[in-house]
Amino acid sequence: MSGGPAQAELEALAAAIGEALLQRGERLATAESCTGGWIGQCCTAIAGSSNWFDRGFITYSNEAKQDMLGVPRQTLRSEGAVSEATAGAMVQGAIARSRAQWALAVSGIAGPTGGTPAKPVGTVCFAWAGPEDWVALETRHFAGDREAVRAQTVAHALDVLRQRLQAPVLA
């Protein structure tokens, strides 16, 4: 792997998420574009993950984002597939079309082609959602080749969710 975290590190993040979800009695769904199911693979690599991982949507094309997750065509036209608006719609669609209380979504440009001056290769948009209408959106720019960008995307998506799940519950 070129410049990204090792698979063992990614699976350790997924295992920590699984432990937190099991303690809460809750489940996770994923909606992935540029990572092509890598986040789901990390989750399902953990023995017993069927107790906390509900499902993963791999929505690489715009049509898949619309059909499987309900991303509005107008959002894709006006904002593009790689946008916080699209990632936000993806995460909401994953929650609505699953039995999960938590979801994460990623859409980005892993390269080596597809970048523009406004959205260069390495641009990734993230969305996370959870109980009590918690939603977080973020755009990051990762360096490296295609595999490194994808690995960093998986790591960041999982790490933010892990941190959220391990944060003290506010009364």
Protein backbone atom coordinates (compact mmCIF):
# COMPACT_ATOMS: atom_id res chain seq x y z
CA MET A 1 0.00 0.00 0.00
CA SER A 2 1.32 3.44 -0.87
CA GLY A 3 1.06 5.87 1.99
CA GLY A 4 -2.17 4.66 3.56
CA PRO A 5 -2.94 2.82 6.76
CA ALA A 6 -2.50 -0.95 6.83
CA GLN A 7 -5.51 -3.24 6.61
CA ALA A 8 -4.94 -4.38 10.21
CA GLU A 9 -5.26 -0.76 11.39
CA LEU A 10 -8.49 -0.33 9.45
CA GLU A 11 -9.93 -3.53 10.89
CA ALA A 12 -8.93 -2.43 14.40
CA LEU A 13 -10.99 0.75 13.89
CA ALA A 14 -13.92 -1.34 12.68
CA ALA A 15 -13.58 -3.66 15.69
CA ALA A 16 -13.69 -0.68 18.08
CA ILE A 17 -16.85 0.57 16.33
CA GLY A 18 -18.36 -2.89 16.62
CA GLU A 19 -17.67 -3.06 20.35
CA ALA A 20 -19.29 0.33 20.90
CA LEU A 21 -22.33 -0.57 18.79
CA LEU A 22 -22.76 -3.90 20.59
CA GLN A 23 -22.72 -2.12 23.96
CA ARG A 24 -25.44 0.21 22.69
CA GLY A 25 -27.47 -2.50 20.94
CA GLU A 26 -27.25 -0.50 17.71
CA ARG A 27 -26.28 -1.17 14.10
CA LEU A 28 -24.32 0.46 11.27
CA ALA A 29 -24.97 0.92 7.56
CA THR A 30 -22.48 2.26 5.02
CA ALA A 31 -22.91 4.09 1.74
CA GLU A 32 -19.74 4.04 -0.34
CA SER A 33 -18.71 5.41 -3.69
CA CYS A 34 -14.95 5.92 -4.10
CA THR A 35 -14.07 3.18 -1.61
CA GLY A 36 -16.13 0.56 -3.45
CA GLY A 37 -17.14 -1.40 -0.36
CA TRP A 38 -13.80 -1.27 1.46
CA ILE A 39 -15.43 0.15 4.62
CA GLY A 40 -18.00 -2.63 4.62
CA GLN A 41 -15.25 -5.18 4.03
CA CYS A 42 -13.36 -3.90 7.08
CA CYS A 43 -16.50 -4.20 9.19
CA THR A 44 -17.43 -7.66 7.98
CA ALA A 45 -13.85 -8.90 8.48
CA ILE A 46 -14.64 -8.78 12.21
CA ALA A 47 -16.05 -12.06 13.55
CA GLY A 48 -19.56 -11.50 14.88
CA SER A 49 -20.09 -8.30 12.89
CA SER A 50 -23.53 -9.53 11.83
CA ASN A 51 -24.60 -8.43 15.31
CA TRP A 52 -23.81 -4.78 14.57
CA PHE A 53 -23.27 -4.31 10.81
CA ASP A 54 -26.60 -4.14 9.00
CA ARG A 55 -25.71 -3.49 5.37
CA GLY A 56 -23.55 -1.59 2.92
CA PHE A 57 -24.55 0.24 -0.22
CA ILE A 58 -21.94 0.52 -2.98
CA THR A 59 -23.23 3.35 -5.13
CA TYR A 60 -20.47 4.14 -7.57
CA SER A 61 -22.60 5.65 -10.33
CA ASN A 62 -24.91 8.63 -9.98
CA GLU A 63 -27.78 6.36 -11.00
CA ALA A 64 -26.99 3.99 -8.14
CA LYS A 65 -26.91 6.91 -5.70
CA GLN A 66 -30.37 7.91 -6.89
CA ASP A 67 -31.87 4.40 -7.14
CA MET A 68 -30.46 2.84 -3.99
CA LEU A 69 -30.17 5.82 -1.64
CA GLY A 70 -32.63 8.38 -2.97
CA VAL A 71 -30.03 11.06 -3.68
CA PRO A 72 -31.92 13.77 -5.56
CA ARG A 73 -30.97 14.13 -9.23
CA GLN A 74 -30.91 17.91 -8.74
CA THR A 75 -28.31 17.59 -5.96
CA LEU A 76 -26.07 15.54 -8.24
CA ARG A 77 -26.53 18.06 -11.08
CA SER A 78 -26.01 21.20 -9.04
CA GLU A 79 -23.44 20.05 -6.47
CA GLY A 80 -21.87 17.02 -8.13
CA ALA A 81 -21.34 13.49 -6.86
CA VAL A 82 -18.34 14.65 -4.84
CA SER A 83 -20.01 17.15 -2.52
CA GLU A 84 -21.11 17.35 1.07
CA ALA A 85 -24.70 17.69 -0.15
CA THR A 86 -24.46 14.36 -1.98
CA ALA A 87 -22.67 12.63 0.91
CA GLY A 88 -25.34 13.97 3.27
CA ALA A 89 -28.12 12.63 1.05
CA MET A 90 -26.29 9.29 0.83
CA VAL A 91 -26.02 8.94 4.61
CA GLN A 92 -29.67 9.85 5.10
CA GLY A 93 -30.64 7.31 2.43
CA ALA A 94 -28.58 4.63 4.16
CA ILE A 95 -30.38 5.27 7.45
CA ALA A 96 -33.80 5.34 5.77
CA ARG A 97 -33.19 2.15 3.77
CA SER A 98 -31.71 0.04 6.57
CA ARG A 99 -32.33 -1.07 10.12
CA ALA A 100 -29.28 0.83 11.32
CA GLN A 101 -29.19 3.71 13.80
CA TRP A 102 -25.77 4.84 12.54
CA ALA A 103 -24.49 5.35 9.00
CA LEU A 104 -21.53 6.79 7.20
CA ALA A 105 -21.13 7.81 3.57
CA VAL A 106 -18.16 8.66 1.36
CA SER A 107 -17.88 10.07 -2.15
CA GLY A 108 -14.62 11.25 -3.65
CA ILE A 109 -12.06 11.39 -6.41
CA ALA A 110 -9.43 8.72 -5.83
CA GLY A 111 -7.64 9.33 -9.13
CA PRO A 112 -5.46 9.20 -10.97
CA THR A 113 -7.99 10.91 -13.27
CA GLY A 114 -11.25 12.74 -12.63
CA GLY A 115 -9.96 15.73 -10.73
CA THR A 116 -10.67 19.35 -11.57
CA PRO A 117 -9.16 22.59 -10.24
CA ALA A 118 -12.16 22.96 -7.91
CA LYS A 119 -12.13 19.29 -6.86
CA PRO A 120 -8.64 17.84 -7.34
CA VAL A 121 -7.75 14.18 -7.06
CA GLY A 122 -7.78 13.27 -3.39
CA THR A 123 -10.94 15.27 -2.59
CA VAL A 124 -13.35 13.20 -0.50
CA CYS A 125 -16.67 14.22 1.03
CA PHE A 126 -17.89 12.45 4.16
CA ALA A 127 -21.16 12.24 6.04
CA TRP A 128 -22.03 10.50 9.27
CA ALA A 129 -25.44 10.16 10.91
CA GLY A 130 -26.67 8.74 14.17
CA PRO A 131 -29.43 8.84 16.75
CA GLU A 132 -31.11 12.08 17.78
CA ASP A 133 -30.64 13.54 14.31
CA TRP A 134 -26.85 13.77 14.67
CA VAL A 135 -25.25 14.47 11.29
CA ALA A 136 -21.72 15.57 10.47
CA LEU A 137 -20.35 16.57 7.07
CA GLU A 138 -16.73 17.11 6.10
CA THR A 139 -14.52 17.46 3.03
CA ARG A 140 -10.91 16.29 3.16
CA HIS A 141 -8.04 16.30 0.68
CA PHE A 142 -5.74 13.28 0.77
CA ALA A 143 -2.37 12.86 -0.92
CA GLY A 144 -0.99 9.80 -2.63
CA ASP A 145 -1.98 7.37 -5.31
CA ARG A 146 -5.44 5.86 -5.77
CA GLU A 147 -4.95 3.15 -3.16
CA ALA A 148 -3.55 5.61 -0.61
CA VAL A 149 -6.45 8.03 -1.10
CA ARG A 150 -8.95 5.21 -0.70
CA ALA A 151 -7.19 3.78 2.39
CA GLN A 152 -7.05 7.21 4.05
CA THR A 153 -10.75 7.66 3.26
CA VAL A 154 -11.64 4.36 4.94
CA ALA A 155 -9.51 5.23 7.97
CA HIS A 156 -10.98 8.70 8.39
CA ALA A 157 -14.58 7.56 7.94
CA LEU A 158 -14.16 4.83 10.54
CA ASP A 159 -12.12 6.94 12.97
CA VAL A 160 -14.63 9.80 13.12
CA LEU A 161 -17.43 7.33 13.79
CA ARG A 162 -15.34 5.54 16.42
CA GLN A 163 -14.67 8.83 18.20
CA ARG A 164 -18.34 9.75 18.14
CA LEU A 165 -19.41 6.36 19.50
CA GLN A 166 -16.80 6.52 22.28
CA ALA A 167 -17.62 10.09 23.31
CA PRO A 168 -19.40 10.50 26.64
CA VAL A 169 -23.16 10.77 26.25
CA LEU A 170 -24.34 14.28 27.10
CA ALA A 171 -27.20 14.37 29.57
